[in-house]
Amino acid sequence: MKFLICAGNEDHYKYLVDTSFVHVDDVARAHIFLFEYPNAKGRYICSALDVTIDKLSEFLSARYPEYQIPNADSLKDIVPVKFSGFSSKKLLEAGFNYQHGLEEIFDGAIESCKQKGFI
C-alpha cells in the first residue's frame, strides 16, 4: 500500500497520512523471538516506526529522485482515514529490537518491485 504514493493513486493517499512500517526481516525475527520467549502470551504488534505522509514524501523524493513523488505541500489538504495507533511496546518490553530502518525497508521493496516489473 505504501507504493501508492509512488504510483500516484491519489484516492489512497488518505490511508498514508500517518502509517506504520516494518521490514519483513524484522517481522520474521519477531516471530522467532516470540517462539523462543518463554513468557510470550497473547498478541504482539510488530511496527518499527511511524511516518507521516509529508515525511514519507520528503524521504522518497530525496532517496529515489527518479520517481515523481508528490511534494509535501500538495499533500497537506488530505483528510486522513482515522486509525487506532499501533504500539510495539509489548514486543519491545519483551526484549525485541528492530534492526532495519526506513531506508532498508524501501530499498529492498523498490528493488524487488523493479525486478518484477511493477515499477
C-alpha atoms as a PDB file:
ATOM      1  CA  MET A   1       0.000   0.000   0.000  1.00  0.00           C
ATOM      2  CA  LYS A   2       2.887   2.376   0.672  1.00  0.00           C
ATOM      3  CA  PHE A   3       3.826   2.306  -3.007  1.00  0.00           C
ATOM      4  CA  LEU A   4       0.603   4.086  -3.904  1.00  0.00           C
ATOM      5  CA  ILE A   5       2.416   7.371  -3.275  1.00  0.00           C
ATOM      6  CA  CYS A   6       4.880   6.314  -5.973  1.00  0.00           C
ATOM      7  CA  ALA A   7       2.148   5.124  -8.293  1.00  0.00           C
ATOM      8  CA  GLY A   8       0.211   8.384  -7.986  1.00  0.00           C
ATOM      9  CA  ASN A   9      -3.077   6.893  -6.818  1.00  0.00           C
ATOM     10  CA  GLU A  10      -4.372   9.986  -5.009  1.00  0.00           C
ATOM     11  CA  ASP A  11      -7.548   8.238  -3.834  1.00  0.00           C
ATOM     12  CA  HIS A  12      -5.391   6.181  -1.493  1.00  0.00           C
ATOM     13  CA  TYR A  13      -3.249   8.957  -0.004  1.00  0.00           C
ATOM     14  CA  LYS A  14      -5.713   9.341   2.884  1.00  0.00           C
ATOM     15  CA  TYR A  15      -4.554   5.931   4.146  1.00  0.00           C
ATOM     16  CA  LEU A  16      -0.936   7.093   4.255  1.00  0.00           C
ATOM     17  CA  VAL A  17      -1.284  10.279   6.312  1.00  0.00           C
ATOM     18  CA  ASP A  18       0.244   8.520   9.320  1.00  0.00           C
ATOM     19  CA  THR A  19       1.371   4.980   8.696  1.00  0.00           C
ATOM     20  CA  SER A  20       3.494   2.286  10.307  1.00  0.00           C
ATOM     21  CA  PHE A  21       6.405   0.468   8.700  1.00  0.00           C
ATOM     22  CA  VAL A  22       8.384  -2.665   9.442  1.00  0.00           C
ATOM     23  CA  HIS A  23      10.951  -4.617   7.432  1.00  0.00           C
ATOM     24  CA  VAL A  24       9.859  -8.151   6.545  1.00  0.00           C
ATOM     25  CA  ASP A  25      13.091  -9.498   8.057  1.00  0.00           C
ATOM     26  CA  ASP A  26      12.188  -7.849  11.377  1.00  0.00           C
ATOM     27  CA  VAL A  27       8.750  -9.480  11.213  1.00  0.00           C
ATOM     28  CA  ALA A  28      10.371 -12.886  10.712  1.00  0.00           C
ATOM     29  CA  ARG A  29      12.829 -12.198  13.534  1.00  0.00           C
ATOM     30  CA  ALA A  30       9.962 -11.134  15.835  1.00  0.00           C
ATOM     31  CA  HIS A  31       8.152 -14.414  15.154  1.00  0.00           C
ATOM     32  CA  ILE A  32      11.245 -16.422  16.023  1.00  0.00           C
ATOM     33  CA  PHE A  33      11.919 -14.242  19.071  1.00  0.00           C
ATOM     34  CA  LEU A  34       8.408 -14.838  20.418  1.00  0.00           C
ATOM     35  CA  PHE A  35       8.532 -18.586  19.728  1.00  0.00           C
ATOM     36  CA  GLU A  36      11.632 -18.688  21.904  1.00  0.00           C
ATOM     37  CA  TYR A  37      10.424 -16.179  24.539  1.00  0.00           C
ATOM     38  CA  PRO A  38       9.102 -18.226  27.476  1.00  0.00           C
ATOM     39  CA  ASN A  39       6.697 -15.526  28.735  1.00  0.00           C
ATOM     40  CA  ALA A  40       5.026 -14.789  25.394  1.00  0.00           C
ATOM     41  CA  LYS A  41       1.257 -14.511  25.783  1.00  0.00           C
ATOM     42  CA  GLY A  42      -1.393 -13.043  23.548  1.00  0.00           C
ATOM     43  CA  ARG A  43      -0.860 -10.845  20.529  1.00  0.00           C
ATOM     44  CA  TYR A  44       2.112  -8.675  19.712  1.00  0.00           C
ATOM     45  CA  ILE A  45       2.264  -5.760  17.305  1.00  0.00           C
ATOM     46  CA  CYS A  46       5.363  -5.530  15.144  1.00  0.00           C
ATOM     47  CA  SER A  47       5.652  -1.938  13.929  1.00  0.00           C
ATOM     48  CA  ALA A  48       9.142  -0.464  13.783  1.00  0.00           C
ATOM     49  CA  LEU A  49       8.302   3.161  13.036  1.00  0.00           C
ATOM     50  CA  ASP A  50       5.532   5.591  12.176  1.00  0.00           C
ATOM     51  CA  VAL A  51       5.909   8.115   9.378  1.00  0.00           C
ATOM     52  CA  THR A  52       3.629  10.953   8.291  1.00  0.00           C
ATOM     53  CA  ILE A  53       2.816  11.365   4.612  1.00  0.00           C
ATOM     54  CA  ASP A  54       4.783  14.610   4.342  1.00  0.00           C
ATOM     55  CA  LYS A  55       7.882  12.984   5.869  1.00  0.00           C
ATOM     56  CA  LEU A  56       7.370   9.975   3.602  1.00  0.00           C
ATOM     57  CA  SER A  57       7.163  12.290   0.591  1.00  0.00           C
ATOM     58  CA  GLU A  58      10.378  14.068   1.602  1.00  0.00           C
ATOM     59  CA  PHE A  59      12.172  10.770   2.210  1.00  0.00           C
ATOM     60  CA  LEU A  60      11.060   9.148  -1.050  1.00  0.00           C
ATOM     61  CA  SER A  61      11.801  12.259  -3.127  1.00  0.00           C
ATOM     62  CA  ALA A  62      15.321  12.518  -1.739  1.00  0.00           C
ATOM     63  CA  ARG A  63      16.137   8.811  -1.854  1.00  0.00           C
ATOM     64  CA  TYR A  64      14.501   7.981  -5.196  1.00  0.00           C
ATOM     65  CA  PRO A  65      14.659  11.141  -7.348  1.00  0.00           C
ATOM     66  CA  GLU A  66      13.985   9.081 -10.481  1.00  0.00           C
ATOM     67  CA  TYR A  67      10.320   8.757  -9.397  1.00  0.00           C
ATOM     68  CA  GLN A  68       7.726  11.512  -9.377  1.00  0.00           C
ATOM     69  CA  ILE A  69       6.704  11.818  -5.742  1.00  0.00           C
ATOM     70  CA  PRO A  70       4.084  14.382  -4.674  1.00  0.00           C
ATOM     71  CA  ASN A  71       5.658  17.158  -2.608  1.00  0.00           C
ATOM     72  CA  ALA A  72       4.602  17.791   0.991  1.00  0.00           C
ATOM     73  CA  ASP A  73       2.671  20.975   0.081  1.00  0.00           C
ATOM     74  CA  SER A  74       0.455  19.089  -2.354  1.00  0.00           C
ATOM     75  CA  LEU A  75      -0.410  16.577   0.375  1.00  0.00           C
ATOM     76  CA  LYS A  76      -1.300  18.979   3.201  1.00  0.00           C
ATOM     77  CA  ASP A  77      -5.053  19.105   2.487  1.00  0.00           C
ATOM     78  CA  ILE A  78      -5.603  15.351   2.573  1.00  0.00           C
ATOM     79  CA  VAL A  79      -8.269  14.299   5.046  1.00  0.00           C
ATOM     80  CA  PRO A  80      -6.908  11.195   6.768  1.00  0.00           C
ATOM     81  CA  VAL A  81      -8.744   7.982   7.486  1.00  0.00           C
ATOM     82  CA  LYS A  82      -8.732   7.573  11.256  1.00  0.00           C
ATOM     83  CA  PHE A  83      -6.894   4.555  12.597  1.00  0.00           C
ATOM     84  CA  SER A  84      -6.050   3.430  16.075  1.00  0.00           C
ATOM     85  CA  GLY A  85      -2.344   3.779  16.600  1.00  0.00           C
ATOM     86  CA  PHE A  86      -0.067   0.765  16.617  1.00  0.00           C
ATOM     87  CA  SER A  87       2.299   0.193  19.501  1.00  0.00           C
ATOM     88  CA  SER A  88       5.106  -2.324  19.695  1.00  0.00           C
ATOM     89  CA  LYS A  89       5.573  -1.552  23.388  1.00  0.00           C
ATOM     90  CA  LYS A  90       4.767  -5.115  24.454  1.00  0.00           C
ATOM     91  CA  LEU A  91       7.224  -6.590  21.944  1.00  0.00           C
ATOM     92  CA  LEU A  92       9.961  -4.109  22.876  1.00  0.00           C
ATOM     93  CA  GLU A  93       9.441  -4.685  26.604  1.00  0.00           C
ATOM     94  CA  ALA A  94       9.908  -8.405  25.969  1.00  0.00           C
ATOM     95  CA  GLY A  95      13.401  -7.543  24.702  1.00  0.00           C
ATOM     96  CA  PHE A  96      12.993  -7.433  20.928  1.00  0.00           C
ATOM     97  CA  ASN A  97      14.991  -4.867  18.929  1.00  0.00           C
ATOM     98  CA  TYR A  98      14.347  -3.759  15.360  1.00  0.00           C
ATOM     99  CA  GLN A  99      17.323  -3.928  13.021  1.00  0.00           C
ATOM    100  CA  HIS A 100      16.009  -2.185   9.899  1.00  0.00           C
ATOM    101  CA  GLY A 101      15.046   1.423   9.275  1.00  0.00           C
ATOM    102  CA  LEU A 102      13.024   3.168   6.600  1.00  0.00           C
ATOM    103  CA  GLU A 103      15.936   3.206   4.149  1.00  0.00           C
ATOM    104  CA  GLU A 104      16.320  -0.572   4.205  1.00  0.00           C
ATOM    105  CA  ILE A 105      12.571  -1.138   4.123  1.00  0.00           C
ATOM    106  CA  PHE A 106      12.189   0.878   0.929  1.00  0.00           C
ATOM    107  CA  ASP A 107      15.476  -0.081  -0.715  1.00  0.00           C
ATOM    108  CA  GLY A 108      14.522  -3.750  -0.606  1.00  0.00           C
ATOM    109  CA  ALA A 109      10.927  -3.157  -1.618  1.00  0.00           C
ATOM    110  CA  ILE A 110      11.809  -0.833  -4.512  1.00  0.00           C
ATOM    111  CA  GLU A 111      14.458  -3.237  -5.800  1.00  0.00           C
ATOM    112  CA  SER A 112      12.016  -6.150  -5.636  1.00  0.00           C
ATOM    113  CA  CYS A 113       9.346  -4.162  -7.497  1.00  0.00           C
ATOM    114  CA  LYS A 114      11.876  -3.179 -10.172  1.00  0.00           C
ATOM    115  CA  GLN A 115      12.920  -6.807 -10.663  1.00  0.00           C
ATOM    116  CA  LYS A 116       9.294  -7.875 -11.031  1.00  0.00           C
ATOM    117  CA  GLY A 117       8.462  -5.037 -13.428  1.00  0.00           C
ATOM    118  CA  PHE A 118       5.965  -3.311 -11.114  1.00  0.00           C
ATOM    119  CA  ILE A 119       7.847  -0.020 -11.302  1.00  0.00           C
END
